[in-house]
Amino acid sequence: MTGFRKRLSQKRILIADGATGTMLQAAGLPPGVSPERWNLERPEAIRALHQSYVEAGADLILSNTFGGSRLRLEKAGLGGRVREINLAAVRLARDVAGEKILVLGDIGPTGRMLKPLGDLSDAEARASFAEQAAALAEGGVDAIIIETMSDLREAVAALEGTKQATSLPILVSMSFDTHGRTMMGVKPEEAAVKLWGLGVDVVGANCGRSLTETLEAIRKMRDAVPKATMMAKPNAGLPHEKNGDSIYDVTPDVMAEYALKFVAHGVRIFGGCCGSTPEHIRAIAVALRGKH
């Protein structure tokens, strides 16, 4: 049994980290620049971000590799540095995590549409995901998380590619941000049945429009597959512009209140997505550690 599966089998709720992209932008990442570039160019900033979440009480942190697939990195002119970037990201996370904190290798969507809506074949997507998963596994992550997926076919391609590359535990999380469905029209219950049936370790929802909508998605996933092990990493609300900055309105206290609601629906891993900060994770840790 891996460290991740052992920790998941225990009673304690696992607290995940919060946002990466919005936090790095606050640290000076220019708009339009790939966050993964900083694994090589600003490693101290990535280390500091991980450290802030560990100090806030996170049990697990995600590598800075959301856009670390070849298909995504090619857009940033970094397609030839997939292994280097992913290995660097894991090393930075491991530097901070030590032995007690779990490191999850983060895989996000390709940013391209699968055929026939786009020009990407399932085989190309699978190969890109397999390449990234192999590098993350080589780096020494405890598990792979496939997140913020809107196309169930792409999520399956990512899952299949990851399974080709490694036998590590796999978590898959969809983003339900369009009237209770994903942008591609996938229902929460449909995703839960399909993904759990393919043998993932954890299924869940992240990002999304609001805490209430993500909670409702989790409820539907739970009803569809009562035995599923579930995670949630919702946004701190929707951003709005103020003096040129994106402001997220959900406070740490509100996020902590919702953490209890998500756990009441059987969520075993809870953290934050866009707009969430170490302060949000600290409030969540206080709320959940008081209860669990």
Protein backbone atom coordinates (compact mmCIF):
# COMPACT_ATOMS: atom_id res chain seq x y z
CA MET A 1 0.00 0.00 0.00
CA THR A 2 1.41 3.39 -0.98
CA GLY A 3 1.71 6.28 1.46
CA PHE A 4 -1.24 7.98 -0.20
CA ARG A 5 -3.58 4.99 0.02
CA LYS A 6 -2.56 4.34 3.61
CA ARG A 7 -3.28 7.94 4.59
CA LEU A 8 -6.59 7.85 2.75
CA SER A 9 -7.64 4.69 4.60
CA GLN A 10 -7.32 6.44 7.95
CA LYS A 11 -10.18 8.36 9.55
CA ARG A 12 -8.57 11.78 9.32
CA ILE A 13 -9.77 14.12 6.54
CA LEU A 14 -6.87 15.13 4.27
CA ILE A 15 -6.48 18.86 3.69
CA ALA A 16 -5.19 19.84 0.26
CA ASP A 17 -3.49 23.08 -0.70
CA GLY A 18 -5.13 26.08 -2.35
CA ALA A 19 -4.62 28.01 -5.57
CA THR A 20 -1.38 27.96 -7.53
CA GLY A 21 -2.01 30.22 -10.53
CA THR A 22 -3.66 33.14 -8.74
CA MET A 23 -1.06 32.98 -5.96
CA LEU A 24 1.85 33.03 -8.44
CA GLN A 25 0.25 35.95 -10.27
CA ALA A 26 0.13 37.78 -6.94
CA ALA A 27 3.83 36.95 -6.57
CA GLY A 28 4.59 38.60 -9.90
CA LEU A 29 3.96 35.98 -12.60
CA PRO A 30 3.17 38.10 -15.68
CA PRO A 31 -0.21 37.54 -17.40
CA GLY A 32 0.03 34.94 -20.15
CA VAL A 33 3.28 33.42 -18.85
CA SER A 34 3.18 29.69 -18.15
CA PRO A 35 3.37 29.07 -14.37
CA GLU A 36 5.45 25.96 -15.14
CA ARG A 37 8.24 28.19 -16.48
CA TRP A 38 8.89 29.32 -12.91
CA ASN A 39 9.85 25.75 -11.92
CA LEU A 40 13.05 26.49 -13.84
CA GLU A 41 13.36 30.28 -13.63
CA ARG A 42 11.95 31.18 -10.19
CA PRO A 43 12.23 28.01 -8.09
CA GLU A 44 12.33 30.01 -4.85
CA ALA A 45 8.84 31.39 -5.59
CA ILE A 46 7.44 27.90 -6.12
CA ARG A 47 9.11 26.64 -2.95
CA ALA A 48 7.71 29.57 -0.98
CA LEU A 49 4.20 28.88 -2.28
CA HIS A 50 4.36 25.23 -1.21
CA GLN A 51 5.83 26.23 2.16
CA SER A 52 2.98 28.67 2.80
CA TYR A 53 0.40 25.89 2.34
CA VAL A 54 2.29 23.38 4.46
CA GLU A 55 2.57 25.95 7.26
CA ALA A 56 -1.17 26.61 6.90
CA GLY A 57 -1.93 22.96 7.64
CA ALA A 58 -2.10 21.19 4.26
CA ASP A 59 -1.57 17.42 4.35
CA LEU A 60 -0.94 17.29 0.61
CA ILE A 61 0.37 19.70 -2.00
CA LEU A 62 0.08 19.64 -5.80
CA SER A 63 3.12 20.01 -8.02
CA ASN A 64 3.21 23.14 -10.19
CA THR A 65 2.50 21.12 -13.33
CA PHE A 66 -1.16 21.81 -14.18
CA GLY A 67 -0.08 22.86 -17.68
CA GLY A 68 2.88 20.48 -17.77
CA SER A 69 1.80 18.22 -20.63
CA ARG A 70 3.60 18.48 -23.97
CA LEU A 71 0.43 19.70 -25.69
CA ARG A 72 0.08 22.54 -23.16
CA LEU A 73 3.80 23.39 -22.92
CA GLU A 74 4.13 23.63 -26.71
CA LYS A 75 1.94 26.74 -26.57
CA ALA A 76 4.52 28.33 -24.26
CA GLY A 77 7.46 27.28 -26.44
CA LEU A 78 8.48 24.68 -23.87
CA GLY A 79 7.39 21.48 -25.63
CA GLY A 80 10.88 20.03 -25.59
CA ARG A 81 11.29 20.42 -21.83
CA VAL A 82 8.40 18.28 -20.53
CA ARG A 83 10.51 15.90 -18.43
CA GLU A 84 12.78 18.65 -17.14
CA ILE A 85 9.89 20.89 -16.05
CA ASN A 86 7.92 18.11 -14.37
CA LEU A 87 10.96 16.71 -12.56
CA ALA A 88 11.87 20.20 -11.35
CA ALA A 89 8.33 20.78 -10.09
CA VAL A 90 8.28 17.55 -8.09
CA ARG A 91 11.71 18.26 -6.64
CA LEU A 92 10.56 21.71 -5.45
CA ALA A 93 7.44 20.24 -3.85
CA ARG A 94 9.45 17.43 -2.24
CA ASP A 95 11.98 19.94 -0.86
CA VAL A 96 9.16 21.42 1.18
CA ALA A 97 7.03 18.33 1.83
CA GLY A 98 9.67 16.20 3.51
CA GLU A 99 8.39 12.84 4.72
CA LYS A 100 5.08 13.86 6.29
CA ILE A 101 3.37 15.84 3.52
CA LEU A 102 2.05 14.04 0.43
CA VAL A 103 2.97 15.35 -3.03
CA LEU A 104 0.46 14.87 -5.84
CA GLY A 105 1.57 15.18 -9.45
CA ASP A 106 -0.84 17.63 -11.04
CA ILE A 107 -2.16 17.05 -14.58
CA GLY A 108 -4.58 19.52 -16.15
CA PRO A 109 -6.41 19.51 -19.49
CA THR A 110 -4.54 19.96 -22.78
CA GLY A 111 -6.42 23.12 -23.66
CA ARG A 112 -7.37 21.56 -27.00
CA MET A 113 -10.59 19.96 -28.18
CA LEU A 114 -10.80 16.29 -29.09
CA LYS A 115 -12.08 15.27 -32.50
CA PRO A 116 -14.61 15.85 -34.01
CA LEU A 117 -15.02 19.20 -32.20
CA GLY A 118 -11.29 19.88 -32.49
CA ASP A 119 -8.23 18.40 -34.15
CA LEU A 120 -6.85 16.34 -31.27
CA SER A 121 -7.11 12.55 -31.38
CA ASP A 122 -7.62 10.44 -28.27
CA ALA A 123 -4.30 8.70 -28.99
CA GLU A 124 -2.40 12.01 -29.14
CA ALA A 125 -3.97 13.13 -25.88
CA ARG A 126 -3.18 9.80 -24.20
CA ALA A 127 0.44 9.96 -25.33
CA SER A 128 0.86 13.50 -24.02
CA PHE A 129 -0.65 12.60 -20.65
CA ALA A 130 1.43 9.40 -20.42
CA GLU A 131 4.63 11.35 -21.04
CA GLN A 132 3.81 13.82 -18.26
CA ALA A 133 2.68 11.12 -15.83
CA ALA A 134 5.91 9.20 -16.43
CA ALA A 135 7.99 12.26 -15.53
CA LEU A 136 5.91 12.96 -12.41
CA ALA A 137 6.26 9.34 -11.31
CA GLU A 138 10.00 9.43 -11.97
CA GLY A 139 10.21 12.53 -9.80
CA GLY A 140 8.68 10.63 -6.90
CA VAL A 141 5.11 11.86 -6.42
CA ASP A 142 2.81 9.93 -4.08
CA ALA A 143 -0.14 9.98 -6.49
CA ILE A 144 -1.34 11.60 -9.72
CA ILE A 145 -4.24 14.06 -9.76
CA ILE A 146 -6.03 14.73 -13.05
CA GLU A 147 -8.05 17.89 -12.43
CA THR A 148 -10.28 20.65 -13.81
CA MET A 149 -11.53 18.40 -16.61
CA SER A 150 -14.63 19.41 -18.56
CA ASP A 151 -14.55 16.70 -21.26
CA LEU A 152 -15.14 13.20 -19.88
CA ARG A 153 -13.41 11.71 -22.91
CA GLU A 154 -10.31 13.77 -22.18
CA ALA A 155 -10.45 12.76 -18.52
CA VAL A 156 -10.55 9.11 -19.61
CA ALA A 157 -7.65 9.69 -22.03
CA ALA A 158 -5.66 11.24 -19.18
CA LEU A 159 -6.54 8.32 -16.91
CA GLU A 160 -5.54 5.76 -19.55
CA GLY A 161 -2.31 7.59 -20.35
CA THR A 162 -1.42 7.79 -16.67
CA LYS A 163 -2.12 4.08 -16.18
CA GLN A 164 0.19 3.30 -19.11
CA ALA A 165 2.98 5.21 -17.39
CA THR A 166 2.62 4.32 -13.71
CA SER A 167 0.79 2.20 -11.14
CA LEU A 168 0.52 5.12 -8.71
CA PRO A 169 -2.87 6.01 -7.19
CA ILE A 170 -4.94 8.30 -9.43
CA LEU A 171 -7.44 11.01 -8.51
CA VAL A 172 -9.73 12.54 -11.15
CA SER A 173 -11.64 15.77 -10.62
CA MET A 174 -14.06 17.49 -12.99
CA SER A 175 -15.07 21.16 -13.06
CA PHE A 176 -18.84 21.70 -12.99
CA ASP A 177 -19.17 25.35 -13.95
CA THR A 178 -22.07 25.53 -16.45
CA HIS A 179 -25.54 25.19 -14.92
CA GLY A 180 -24.49 22.21 -12.81
CA ARG A 181 -22.61 20.51 -15.65
CA THR A 182 -19.13 20.84 -17.07
CA MET A 183 -18.51 23.21 -19.97
CA MET A 184 -18.84 20.16 -22.23
CA GLY A 185 -22.21 19.21 -20.73
CA VAL A 186 -21.09 16.37 -18.46
CA LYS A 187 -23.33 15.72 -15.44
CA PRO A 188 -21.72 15.03 -12.04
CA GLU A 189 -23.43 11.64 -11.71
CA GLU A 190 -22.33 10.62 -15.22
CA ALA A 191 -18.70 11.49 -14.42
CA ALA A 192 -18.77 9.68 -11.08
CA VAL A 193 -20.18 6.45 -12.53
CA LYS A 194 -17.77 6.42 -15.49
CA LEU A 195 -14.58 7.32 -13.60
CA TRP A 196 -15.20 5.19 -10.52
CA GLY A 197 -16.01 2.29 -12.83
CA LEU A 198 -12.56 2.69 -14.43
CA GLY A 199 -10.86 2.11 -11.09
CA VAL A 200 -9.70 5.54 -9.93
CA ASP A 201 -8.76 5.93 -6.26
CA VAL A 202 -10.60 9.22 -5.79
CA VAL A 203 -13.20 11.11 -7.83
CA GLY A 204 -14.41 14.63 -7.25
CA ALA A 205 -15.03 18.22 -8.28
CA ASN A 206 -12.79 21.28 -8.31
CA CYS A 207 -12.78 24.86 -9.58
CA GLY A 208 -16.41 25.61 -10.59
CA ARG A 209 -18.51 28.73 -10.21
CA SER A 210 -19.48 28.72 -6.55
CA LEU A 211 -19.18 26.72 -3.36
CA THR A 212 -22.89 25.88 -3.43
CA GLU A 213 -22.75 24.60 -7.02
CA THR A 214 -19.66 22.49 -6.33
CA LEU A 215 -21.28 21.11 -3.19
CA GLU A 216 -24.36 20.18 -5.22
CA ALA A 217 -22.13 18.43 -7.78
CA ILE A 218 -20.50 16.45 -4.97
CA ARG A 219 -23.93 15.51 -3.59
CA LYS A 220 -24.97 14.17 -7.00
CA MET A 221 -21.71 12.25 -7.40
CA ARG A 222 -22.15 10.74 -3.94
CA ASP A 223 -25.74 9.71 -4.69
CA ALA A 224 -24.66 8.11 -7.97
CA VAL A 225 -21.76 6.16 -6.46
CA PRO A 226 -22.26 5.92 -2.67
CA LYS A 227 -19.05 3.93 -2.13
CA ALA A 228 -16.78 6.36 -4.02
CA THR A 229 -13.91 8.07 -2.23
CA MET A 230 -14.41 11.77 -2.93
CA MET A 231 -12.47 15.03 -3.01
CA ALA A 232 -13.38 18.68 -3.54
CA LYS A 233 -11.24 21.74 -4.28
CA PRO A 234 -13.67 24.59 -5.01
CA ASN A 235 -12.84 28.15 -6.01
CA ALA A 236 -13.11 30.98 -3.51
CA GLY A 237 -16.14 32.20 -5.48
CA LEU A 238 -16.08 33.94 -8.87
CA PRO A 239 -13.60 36.75 -9.46
CA HIS A 240 -14.54 40.32 -10.22
CA GLU A 241 -12.30 43.17 -11.31
CA LYS A 242 -11.26 45.89 -8.87
CA ASN A 243 -8.55 48.39 -9.81
CA GLY A 244 -7.32 45.98 -12.46
CA ASP A 245 -7.03 43.07 -10.03
CA SER A 246 -9.16 39.93 -9.83
CA ILE A 247 -10.85 39.82 -6.43
CA TYR A 248 -12.40 36.64 -4.97
CA ASP A 249 -15.10 37.31 -2.38
CA VAL A 250 -15.27 34.06 -0.41
CA THR A 251 -13.52 34.66 2.91
CA PRO A 252 -11.46 32.05 4.77
CA ASP A 253 -14.24 31.76 7.38
CA VAL A 254 -16.90 31.05 4.75
CA MET A 255 -14.63 28.50 3.06
CA ALA A 256 -14.11 26.80 6.42
CA GLU A 257 -17.88 26.63 7.00
CA TYR A 258 -18.31 24.98 3.61
CA ALA A 259 -15.47 22.55 4.32
CA LEU A 260 -17.66 21.08 7.07
CA LYS A 261 -20.58 20.78 4.63
CA PHE A 262 -18.42 19.00 2.05
CA VAL A 263 -17.10 16.60 4.69
CA ALA A 264 -20.69 15.92 5.79
CA HIS A 265 -21.31 14.74 2.20
CA GLY A 266 -18.49 12.24 2.52
CA VAL A 267 -15.58 14.22 1.04
CA ARG A 268 -12.26 12.80 2.28
CA ILE A 269 -9.92 15.38 0.70
CA PHE A 270 -10.74 19.09 0.79
CA GLY A 271 -8.78 22.13 -0.36
CA GLY A 272 -9.18 25.24 -2.47
CA CYS A 273 -8.82 26.19 -6.13
CA CYS A 274 -8.67 29.61 -7.81
CA GLY A 275 -8.61 32.56 -5.42
CA SER A 276 -7.94 30.46 -2.31
CA THR A 277 -4.91 31.41 -0.25
CA PRO A 278 -2.92 29.97 2.67
CA GLU A 279 -5.34 31.89 4.92
CA HIS A 280 -8.23 29.89 3.45
CA ILE A 281 -6.37 26.62 4.02
CA ARG A 282 -5.48 27.62 7.58
CA ALA A 283 -9.17 28.32 8.35
CA ILE A 284 -10.15 24.98 6.79
CA ALA A 285 -7.53 23.18 8.87
CA VAL A 286 -8.80 24.77 12.07
CA ALA A 287 -12.42 23.86 11.24
CA LEU A 288 -11.69 20.26 10.23
CA ARG A 289 -9.09 19.48 12.85
CA GLY A 290 -11.51 20.64 15.50
CA LYS A 291 -14.06 18.13 14.20
CA HIS A 292 -11.79 15.29 13.15
